[in-house]
């Protein structure tokens, strides 16, 4: 394997920033946008949860990205098509009447073209993830891969801040200034389109041309070989010892969060009459998208340090308890609503810290369970079940909240925390005493 010499600083940060933008736009910013445009919570949560499906099933087509064209071709093609999707979203955003938006009764049917484009963008983004990660390994030496692993993670996090913080704050400020919610989001999408197209243009010139030797066996595989290999991988995965308990853990450890996640934004911006906090959109961008992401990162870092010192088994219970902390925080805010931005900001920071710390155990478990001859493929299957565990509860979360209101909804989620603790108890016996300990 060889690659044209190109300073990694010219493309690694921008590549992983570009990887994050469509992901967070499709899965997170869309929730805020549809909520602010008046779509009822049930339909909003259902359709935005379905957008997560491509990340659930992407292991099905990831092998084909390896044998057709180059990773650079896949990266650039996906970025060009995603840019076109962003432009399409800007054009097709509906403009429902303000009176309909105010009562949260906008028909989801108005968004059919937008949802189609979101759906296409989700598949393009999932494919881009596959290609970008493969390109990173092709275009960099092993030493540079280790050197830049922190850089790629940092810029992916910055994309998170850009999506949940900057974009939402811009939309909120435009809502206030223009007094027109649809127009505010249209301008926000236009800004996103211009930025992403600019990054794509940058990569056309500065993404190195990583070349693969013609003798590389991976590129000599046929479609039949891929299907056969995937079948063997799938069978071997389900023959792993303790697979049933592992699947229960993958699907249910984050069950409370999966229900809660789609309702966080509607709760924060929802009117106080409906049980929400009534925050302005720009405040949500500031509190959740910046301070929240910051404390999420801190929690993840400290969780990793703690696990490396204690090992996964000794860390498991404290992390399982901390990942339930966000649910307690939102129950508290629903029972004792406040207008204090300082108090809400502290609650959001605490929530995100708990999730970041507790999620560490989940990822370490996936890595441990994937160990073996086909660890890379098995890990991909684990992440697919992880994504399914987040998608499926989200399909009904909005309808449940509409039926019972925010207070009872968050109370039910606290009860779901016992399921998290139950599956934690089941996997506790599986994990070796010293695994994960440095």
Protein backbone atom coordinates (compact mmCIF):
# COMPACT_ATOMS: atom_id res chain seq x y z
CA UNK A 1 0.00 0.00 0.00
CA UNK A 2 1.28 3.44 -0.83
CA UNK A 3 -0.12 6.94 -0.93
CA UNK A 4 0.76 10.22 -2.51
CA UNK A 5 2.53 12.44 0.00
CA UNK A 6 0.06 14.91 1.45
CA UNK A 7 0.19 16.61 4.83
CA UNK A 8 -2.50 14.83 6.95
CA UNK A 9 -3.34 18.14 8.61
CA UNK A 10 -4.74 19.27 5.26
CA UNK A 11 -7.40 16.57 5.14
CA UNK A 12 -7.82 14.48 8.32
CA UNK A 13 -9.53 17.24 10.37
CA UNK A 14 -11.80 18.28 7.50
CA UNK A 15 -12.64 14.66 6.58
CA UNK A 16 -13.94 13.81 10.05
CA UNK A 17 -15.66 17.15 10.45
CA UNK A 18 -17.41 16.35 7.15
CA UNK A 19 -18.24 12.85 8.42
CA UNK A 20 -20.04 14.29 11.43
CA UNK A 21 -22.09 17.05 9.79
CA UNK A 22 -24.63 14.91 7.87
CA UNK A 23 -24.90 12.42 10.75
CA UNK A 24 -25.84 15.07 13.29
CA UNK A 25 -28.04 16.96 10.84
CA UNK A 26 -30.04 13.84 9.98
CA UNK A 27 -30.30 12.37 13.48
CA UNK A 28 -30.33 15.40 15.78
CA UNK A 29 -30.89 18.72 14.04
CA UNK A 30 -33.87 17.24 12.17
CA UNK A 31 -35.57 16.62 15.53
CA UNK A 32 -35.31 20.28 16.49
CA UNK A 33 -36.31 21.49 13.04
CA UNK A 34 -39.46 19.36 12.79
CA UNK A 35 -40.38 20.26 16.37
CA UNK A 36 -40.01 23.98 15.72
CA UNK A 37 -42.03 23.64 12.50
CA UNK A 38 -44.93 22.25 14.52
CA UNK A 39 -44.87 18.51 13.78
CA UNK A 40 -46.50 16.56 16.67
CA UNK A 41 -44.10 14.61 18.89
CA UNK A 42 -45.40 11.18 17.88
CA UNK A 43 -44.86 11.64 14.16
CA UNK A 44 -41.63 13.57 14.67
CA UNK A 45 -40.07 10.80 16.76
CA UNK A 46 -41.31 8.03 14.44
CA UNK A 47 -39.94 9.50 11.22
CA UNK A 48 -36.67 10.79 12.63
CA UNK A 49 -36.03 7.40 14.27
CA UNK A 50 -36.51 5.67 10.92
CA UNK A 51 -33.75 7.88 9.53
CA UNK A 52 -31.34 5.96 11.77
CA UNK A 53 -31.91 2.71 9.87
CA UNK A 54 -28.96 3.08 7.42
CA UNK A 55 -26.50 3.04 10.33
CA UNK A 56 -28.19 -0.13 11.61
CA UNK A 57 -27.83 -2.04 8.34
CA UNK A 58 -24.65 -0.55 6.87
CA UNK A 59 -22.62 -3.76 7.53
CA UNK A 60 -24.72 -5.28 4.72
CA UNK A 61 -23.09 -3.16 2.01
CA UNK A 62 -19.79 -2.16 3.59
CA UNK A 63 -17.90 -5.05 1.87
CA UNK A 64 -18.93 -3.72 -1.55
CA UNK A 65 -17.26 -0.38 -0.80
CA UNK A 66 -14.03 -2.37 -0.55
CA UNK A 67 -14.19 -3.95 -4.02
CA UNK A 68 -15.75 -1.24 -6.19
CA UNK A 69 -13.75 1.87 -7.03
CA UNK A 70 -11.33 3.48 -4.58
CA UNK A 71 -12.05 4.79 -1.10
CA UNK A 72 -11.20 8.29 -2.34
CA UNK A 73 -13.80 7.95 -5.10
CA UNK A 74 -16.42 6.83 -2.57
CA UNK A 75 -15.58 9.69 -0.17
CA UNK A 76 -15.75 12.40 -2.83
CA UNK A 77 -18.83 10.98 -4.55
CA UNK A 78 -20.72 10.73 -1.26
CA UNK A 79 -19.74 14.28 -0.33
CA UNK A 80 -20.90 15.64 -3.69
CA UNK A 81 -24.22 13.83 -3.38
CA UNK A 82 -24.67 14.92 0.25
CA UNK A 83 -24.04 18.53 -0.84
CA UNK A 84 -26.78 18.11 -3.45
CA UNK A 85 -29.11 16.69 -0.77
CA UNK A 86 -28.46 19.69 1.48
CA UNK A 87 -29.36 22.03 -1.38
CA UNK A 88 -32.51 19.99 -1.97
CA UNK A 89 -33.45 20.26 1.71
CA UNK A 90 -33.03 24.03 1.51
CA UNK A 91 -35.38 24.21 -1.48
CA UNK A 92 -38.05 21.76 -0.29
CA UNK A 93 -38.56 22.96 3.29
CA UNK A 94 -42.31 23.67 3.69
CA UNK A 95 -43.69 26.94 5.08
CA UNK A 96 -46.69 26.03 7.25
CA UNK A 97 -48.82 28.83 8.69
CA UNK A 98 -47.65 30.26 12.02
CA UNK A 99 -51.02 29.48 13.64
CA UNK A 100 -50.61 25.77 12.81
CA UNK A 101 -47.02 25.73 14.07
CA UNK A 102 -48.03 27.35 17.36
CA UNK A 103 -50.44 24.52 18.23
CA UNK A 104 -48.00 21.80 17.10
CA UNK A 105 -50.38 20.45 14.46
CA UNK A 106 -48.32 20.65 11.25
CA UNK A 107 -49.04 17.65 9.03
CA UNK A 108 -46.05 15.39 8.44
CA UNK A 109 -47.32 15.05 4.87
CA UNK A 110 -45.94 18.52 4.13
CA UNK A 111 -42.45 17.14 4.70
CA UNK A 112 -42.60 14.16 2.32
CA UNK A 113 -39.93 15.53 -0.03
CA UNK A 114 -37.73 16.64 2.86
CA UNK A 115 -38.01 13.23 4.50
CA UNK A 116 -37.09 11.53 1.22
CA UNK A 117 -33.98 13.70 1.00
CA UNK A 118 -33.15 13.06 4.65
CA UNK A 119 -33.49 9.33 3.96
CA UNK A 120 -31.17 9.52 0.94
CA UNK A 121 -28.73 11.67 2.91
CA UNK A 122 -28.73 9.07 5.72
CA UNK A 123 -27.69 6.28 3.33
CA UNK A 124 -25.05 8.52 1.74
CA UNK A 125 -23.70 9.50 5.15
CA UNK A 126 -23.53 5.89 6.37
CA UNK A 127 -21.65 4.93 3.20
CA UNK A 128 -19.35 7.93 3.66
CA UNK A 129 -18.55 6.69 7.18
CA UNK A 130 -17.42 3.32 5.76
CA UNK A 131 -15.31 4.91 3.04
CA UNK A 132 -13.76 7.61 5.24
CA UNK A 133 -12.62 5.14 7.89
CA UNK A 134 -11.18 2.85 5.20
CA UNK A 135 -9.46 5.76 3.47
CA UNK A 136 -7.90 6.86 6.75
CA UNK A 137 -6.20 3.46 7.08
CA UNK A 138 -5.08 3.41 3.44
CA UNK A 139 -3.70 6.93 3.19
CA UNK A 140 -1.78 7.01 6.49
CA UNK A 141 1.04 4.89 7.83
CA UNK A 142 0.42 3.00 11.07
CA UNK A 143 2.39 5.61 12.96
CA UNK A 144 0.35 8.47 11.52
CA UNK A 145 -2.87 6.58 12.17
CA UNK A 146 -2.01 6.46 15.87
CA UNK A 147 -0.86 10.08 15.85
CA UNK A 148 -4.06 11.42 14.28
CA UNK A 149 -6.64 9.21 16.02
CA UNK A 150 -7.18 11.91 18.64
CA UNK A 151 -7.40 14.60 15.95
CA UNK A 152 -10.10 12.75 14.01
CA UNK A 153 -12.12 12.22 17.20
CA UNK A 154 -11.78 15.88 18.15
CA UNK A 155 -13.02 17.15 14.80
CA UNK A 156 -15.90 14.67 14.81
CA UNK A 157 -16.85 16.12 18.20
CA UNK A 158 -16.54 19.62 16.74
CA UNK A 159 -19.04 18.58 14.06
CA UNK A 160 -21.33 17.58 16.92
CA UNK A 161 -20.93 21.03 18.48
CA UNK A 162 -21.49 22.63 15.08
CA UNK A 163 -24.70 20.67 14.51
CA UNK A 164 -26.25 20.72 17.98
CA UNK A 165 -24.78 24.05 19.01
CA UNK A 166 -23.93 26.45 16.21
CA UNK A 167 -26.60 25.48 13.66
CA UNK A 168 -29.40 25.38 16.22
CA UNK A 169 -28.24 28.67 17.74
CA UNK A 170 -28.18 30.29 14.28
CA UNK A 171 -31.68 29.01 13.56
CA UNK A 172 -32.89 30.32 16.91
CA UNK A 173 -31.40 33.77 16.41
CA UNK A 174 -32.93 33.93 12.93
CA UNK A 175 -36.31 32.84 14.33
CA UNK A 176 -36.20 35.76 16.75
CA UNK A 177 -34.91 38.28 14.22
CA UNK A 178 -37.13 37.32 11.27
CA UNK A 179 -40.22 36.24 13.15
CA UNK A 180 -40.57 33.47 10.57
CA UNK A 181 -39.61 29.97 11.73
CA UNK A 182 -39.61 28.20 8.31
CA UNK A 183 -37.54 30.95 6.72
CA UNK A 184 -35.07 30.84 9.62
CA UNK A 185 -34.50 27.12 9.11
CA UNK A 186 -34.28 27.55 5.35
CA UNK A 187 -31.42 30.02 5.78
CA UNK A 188 -29.77 27.68 8.31
CA UNK A 189 -29.90 24.81 5.82
CA UNK A 190 -28.48 27.09 3.13
CA UNK A 191 -25.52 27.94 5.39
CA UNK A 192 -24.97 24.21 5.98
CA UNK A 193 -25.10 23.53 2.23
CA UNK A 194 -22.51 26.19 1.45
CA UNK A 195 -20.19 24.99 4.22
CA UNK A 196 -20.39 21.32 3.25
CA UNK A 197 -19.96 22.09 -0.46
CA UNK A 198 -16.86 24.14 0.42
CA UNK A 199 -15.38 21.21 2.36
CA UNK A 200 -16.13 18.92 -0.59
CA UNK A 201 -14.33 21.32 -2.94
CA UNK A 202 -11.37 21.40 -0.54
CA UNK A 203 -11.16 17.60 -0.60
CA UNK A 204 -11.19 17.51 -4.40
CA UNK A 205 -7.81 19.21 -4.25
CA UNK A 206 -6.28 18.07 -0.96
CA UNK A 207 -7.50 14.51 -0.37
CA UNK A 208 -4.50 12.30 -1.21
CA UNK A 209 -4.76 9.62 -3.88
CA UNK A 210 -4.26 6.44 -1.86
CA UNK A 211 -3.55 3.58 -4.25
CA UNK A 212 -4.07 -0.13 -3.73
CA UNK A 213 -1.84 -2.77 -5.26
CA UNK A 214 -3.57 -4.85 -7.89
CA UNK A 215 -2.59 -8.01 -6.05
CA UNK A 216 -4.57 -7.01 -2.98
CA UNK A 217 -6.85 -9.99 -2.30
CA UNK A 218 -9.57 -7.74 -0.92
CA UNK A 219 -10.05 -6.20 -4.35
CA UNK A 220 -10.05 -9.57 -6.11
CA UNK A 221 -13.14 -10.77 -4.27
CA UNK A 222 -16.31 -11.42 -6.23
CA UNK A 223 -19.83 -10.56 -5.11
CA UNK A 224 -20.40 -14.27 -4.46
CA UNK A 225 -17.32 -14.38 -2.23
CA UNK A 226 -18.60 -11.43 -0.23
CA UNK A 227 -22.03 -12.97 0.32
CA UNK A 228 -20.45 -16.26 1.37
CA UNK A 229 -18.03 -14.54 3.75
CA UNK A 230 -20.80 -12.41 5.25
CA UNK A 231 -22.93 -15.52 5.79
CA UNK A 232 -20.09 -17.30 7.59
CA UNK A 233 -19.43 -14.21 9.70
CA UNK A 234 -23.12 -13.90 10.59
CA UNK A 235 -23.36 -17.57 11.60
CA UNK A 236 -20.14 -17.47 13.64
CA UNK A 237 -21.39 -14.35 15.45
CA UNK A 238 -24.58 -16.07 16.60
CA UNK A 239 -22.58 -19.12 17.69
CA UNK A 240 -20.49 -17.09 20.12
CA UNK A 241 -20.75 -18.15 23.75
CA UNK A 242 -23.29 -16.07 25.68
CA UNK A 243 -24.79 -14.53 22.54
CA UNK A 244 -28.33 -14.28 23.95
CA UNK A 245 -27.23 -12.34 27.03
CA UNK A 246 -24.96 -10.20 24.87
CA UNK A 247 -27.81 -9.29 22.52
CA UNK A 248 -30.06 -8.39 25.44
CA UNK A 249 -27.32 -6.12 26.76
CA UNK A 250 -26.70 -4.49 23.37
CA UNK A 251 -30.40 -3.82 22.82
CA UNK A 252 -31.51 -2.90 26.35
CA UNK A 253 -28.60 -1.29 28.24
CA UNK A 254 -29.51 2.09 26.70
CA UNK A 255 -33.28 1.52 26.63
CA UNK A 256 -34.14 4.50 28.89
CA UNK A 257 -31.90 6.80 26.84
CA UNK A 258 -33.39 5.51 23.57
CA UNK A 259 -36.87 6.51 24.74
CA UNK A 260 -35.72 9.80 26.21
CA UNK A 261 -33.45 11.03 23.42
CA UNK A 262 -36.18 11.94 20.92
CA UNK A 263 -38.15 13.83 23.58
CA UNK A 264 -35.35 15.95 25.02
CA UNK A 265 -35.59 18.67 22.37
CA UNK A 266 -39.43 18.89 22.36
CA UNK A 267 -39.34 19.07 26.17
CA UNK A 268 -36.77 21.86 26.24
CA UNK A 269 -38.51 24.04 23.63
CA UNK A 270 -42.10 22.98 24.35
CA UNK A 271 -44.46 25.48 25.95
CA UNK A 272 -44.85 25.45 29.71
CA UNK A 273 -48.57 24.79 29.19
CA UNK A 274 -47.67 21.50 27.50
CA UNK A 275 -45.24 20.56 30.29
CA UNK A 276 -42.07 21.77 28.57
CA UNK A 277 -39.53 24.36 29.67
CA UNK A 278 -40.26 26.92 26.94
CA UNK A 279 -36.62 27.63 26.05
CA UNK A 280 -35.77 29.63 22.97
CA UNK A 281 -34.13 27.63 20.19
CA UNK A 282 -30.82 29.50 20.47
CA UNK A 283 -30.60 28.72 24.20
CA UNK A 284 -30.95 25.01 23.47
CA UNK A 285 -28.14 25.32 20.94
CA UNK A 286 -25.97 27.04 23.54
CA UNK A 287 -26.73 24.77 26.50
CA UNK A 288 -27.18 21.38 24.88
CA UNK A 289 -24.96 21.75 21.84
CA UNK A 290 -21.93 23.34 23.49
CA UNK A 291 -21.84 22.82 27.27
CA UNK A 292 -23.66 19.51 26.92
CA UNK A 293 -21.20 18.19 24.33
CA UNK A 294 -18.27 19.47 26.42
CA UNK A 295 -19.41 17.53 29.50
CA UNK A 296 -20.23 14.50 27.35
CA UNK A 297 -16.61 14.52 26.20
CA UNK A 298 -15.28 15.00 29.73
CA UNK A 299 -17.44 12.13 30.95
CA UNK A 300 -16.18 9.87 28.18
CA UNK A 301 -12.54 10.71 28.90
CA UNK A 302 -12.87 10.18 32.65
CA UNK A 303 -14.86 6.99 32.06
CA UNK A 304 -12.04 5.64 29.92
CA UNK A 305 -9.44 6.51 32.56
CA UNK A 306 -11.53 4.93 35.32
CA UNK A 307 -12.09 1.73 33.32
CA UNK A 308 -8.39 1.45 32.48
CA UNK A 309 -7.53 1.56 36.17
CA UNK A 310 -10.30 -0.64 37.56
CA UNK A 311 -11.08 -2.89 34.59
CA UNK A 312 -14.47 -3.29 32.92
CA UNK A 313 -15.93 -5.69 35.49
CA UNK A 314 -15.23 -3.47 38.50
CA UNK A 315 -16.36 -0.39 36.56
CA UNK A 316 -19.58 -1.88 35.22
CA UNK A 317 -21.98 -1.13 38.05
CA UNK A 318 -20.88 2.47 38.65
CA UNK A 319 -21.15 3.13 34.91
CA UNK A 320 -24.57 1.50 34.67
CA UNK A 321 -25.78 3.72 37.51
CA UNK A 322 -24.30 6.84 35.92
CA UNK A 323 -25.90 6.16 32.54
CA UNK A 324 -29.28 6.30 34.30
CA UNK A 325 -28.43 9.78 35.65
CA UNK A 326 -29.82 11.61 32.58
CA UNK A 327 -33.23 10.06 33.19
CA UNK A 328 -33.31 11.32 36.78
CA UNK A 329 -32.24 14.79 35.61
CA UNK A 330 -35.11 15.13 33.13
CA UNK A 331 -37.63 13.74 35.61
CA UNK A 332 -36.45 16.41 38.06
CA UNK A 333 -36.81 19.19 35.46
CA UNK A 334 -40.31 18.00 34.47
CA UNK A 335 -41.47 17.87 38.11
CA UNK A 336 -39.84 21.17 39.08
CA UNK A 337 -39.79 23.33 35.92
CA UNK A 338 -37.62 26.44 36.02
CA UNK A 339 -36.81 29.45 33.88
CA UNK A 340 -33.25 29.62 35.19
CA UNK A 341 -30.81 29.08 32.32
CA UNK A 342 -28.07 28.49 34.87
CA UNK A 343 -29.97 25.65 36.56
CA UNK A 344 -31.08 24.10 33.25
CA UNK A 345 -27.50 24.33 31.97
CA UNK A 346 -26.20 22.56 35.09
CA UNK A 347 -28.81 19.81 34.68
CA UNK A 348 -27.93 19.30 31.01
CA UNK A 349 -24.20 19.25 31.79
CA UNK A 350 -24.78 16.69 34.57
CA UNK A 351 -26.94 14.59 32.26
CA UNK A 352 -24.36 14.56 29.48
CA UNK A 353 -21.50 13.82 31.88
CA UNK A 354 -23.37 10.80 33.26
CA UNK A 355 -24.12 9.50 29.80
CA UNK A 356 -20.53 9.99 28.58
CA UNK A 357 -19.13 8.17 31.62
CA UNK A 358 -21.66 5.33 31.56
CA UNK A 359 -21.43 4.75 27.81
CA UNK A 360 -17.77 3.77 28.20
CA UNK A 361 -18.77 0.42 29.71
CA UNK A 362 -21.05 -0.29 26.78
CA UNK A 363 -18.35 0.30 24.17
CA UNK A 364 -15.77 -1.72 26.11
CA UNK A 365 -18.22 -4.61 26.33
CA UNK A 366 -18.76 -4.54 22.55
CA UNK A 367 -15.00 -4.63 22.00
CA UNK A 368 -14.61 -7.52 24.46
CA UNK A 369 -17.49 -9.54 22.98
CA UNK A 370 -16.14 -9.03 19.45
CA UNK A 371 -12.79 -10.63 20.25
CA UNK A 372 -11.83 -13.60 18.13
CA UNK A 373 -10.91 -14.52 14.58
CA UNK A 374 -13.46 -12.21 12.93
CA UNK A 375 -13.32 -9.41 15.47
CA UNK A 376 -13.65 -6.57 12.94
CA UNK A 377 -16.77 -8.02 11.32
CA UNK A 378 -18.24 -9.08 14.65
CA UNK A 379 -17.71 -5.57 16.04
CA UNK A 380 -19.57 -4.15 13.04
CA UNK A 381 -22.49 -6.45 13.84
CA UNK A 382 -22.36 -5.36 17.48
CA UNK A 383 -22.62 -1.71 16.46
CA UNK A 384 -25.56 -2.60 14.22
CA UNK A 385 -27.42 -4.04 17.22
CA UNK A 386 -26.37 -0.97 19.21
CA UNK A 387 -27.97 1.25 16.58
CA UNK A 388 -31.11 -0.93 16.52
CA UNK A 389 -31.37 -0.57 20.29
CA UNK A 390 -31.54 3.19 19.84
CA UNK A 391 -33.82 3.23 16.80
CA UNK A 392 -36.63 0.87 17.84
CA UNK A 393 -37.74 2.58 21.10
CA UNK A 394 -37.56 5.96 19.35
CA UNK A 395 -40.27 4.83 16.92
CA UNK A 396 -42.90 4.88 19.67
CA UNK A 397 -41.39 7.35 22.17
CA UNK A 398 -43.27 10.35 20.79
CA UNK A 399 -46.64 8.61 20.83
CA UNK A 400 -46.03 7.47 24.42
CA UNK A 401 -45.20 11.02 25.51
CA UNK A 402 -48.28 12.44 23.78
CA UNK A 403 -50.44 9.86 25.56
CA UNK A 404 -49.18 10.45 29.11
CA UNK A 405 -47.45 13.87 29.19
CA UNK A 406 -43.88 14.71 30.10
CA UNK A 407 -44.04 14.02 33.85
CA UNK A 408 -45.39 10.49 33.54
CA UNK A 409 -43.21 9.88 30.46
CA UNK A 410 -40.00 10.65 32.34
CA UNK A 411 -41.30 8.68 35.35
CA UNK A 412 -41.79 5.62 33.14
CA UNK A 413 -38.27 6.04 31.79
CA UNK A 414 -36.96 5.91 35.36
CA UNK A 415 -38.71 2.54 35.71
CA UNK A 416 -37.01 1.39 32.49
CA UNK A 417 -33.69 1.97 34.28
CA UNK A 418 -34.31 -1.30 36.15
CA UNK A 419 -34.03 -3.06 32.78
CA UNK A 420 -30.59 -1.45 32.33
CA UNK A 421 -29.55 -2.77 35.75
CA UNK A 422 -30.99 -6.22 34.99
CA UNK A 423 -29.00 -6.72 31.78
CA UNK A 424 -25.93 -5.33 33.56
CA UNK A 425 -26.31 -8.08 36.17
CA UNK A 426 -26.61 -10.68 33.40
CA UNK A 427 -23.38 -9.72 31.63
CA UNK A 428 -21.42 -9.11 34.82
CA UNK A 429 -20.64 -12.82 35.18
CA UNK A 430 -19.38 -13.06 31.59
CA UNK A 431 -16.63 -10.45 31.83
CA UNK A 432 -13.09 -11.55 32.84
CA UNK A 433 -11.82 -9.98 36.05
CA UNK A 434 -8.87 -8.16 34.49
CA UNK A 435 -10.33 -7.20 31.11
CA UNK A 436 -9.77 -3.54 30.23
CA UNK A 437 -7.39 -2.94 33.12
CA UNK A 438 -4.17 -1.27 32.07
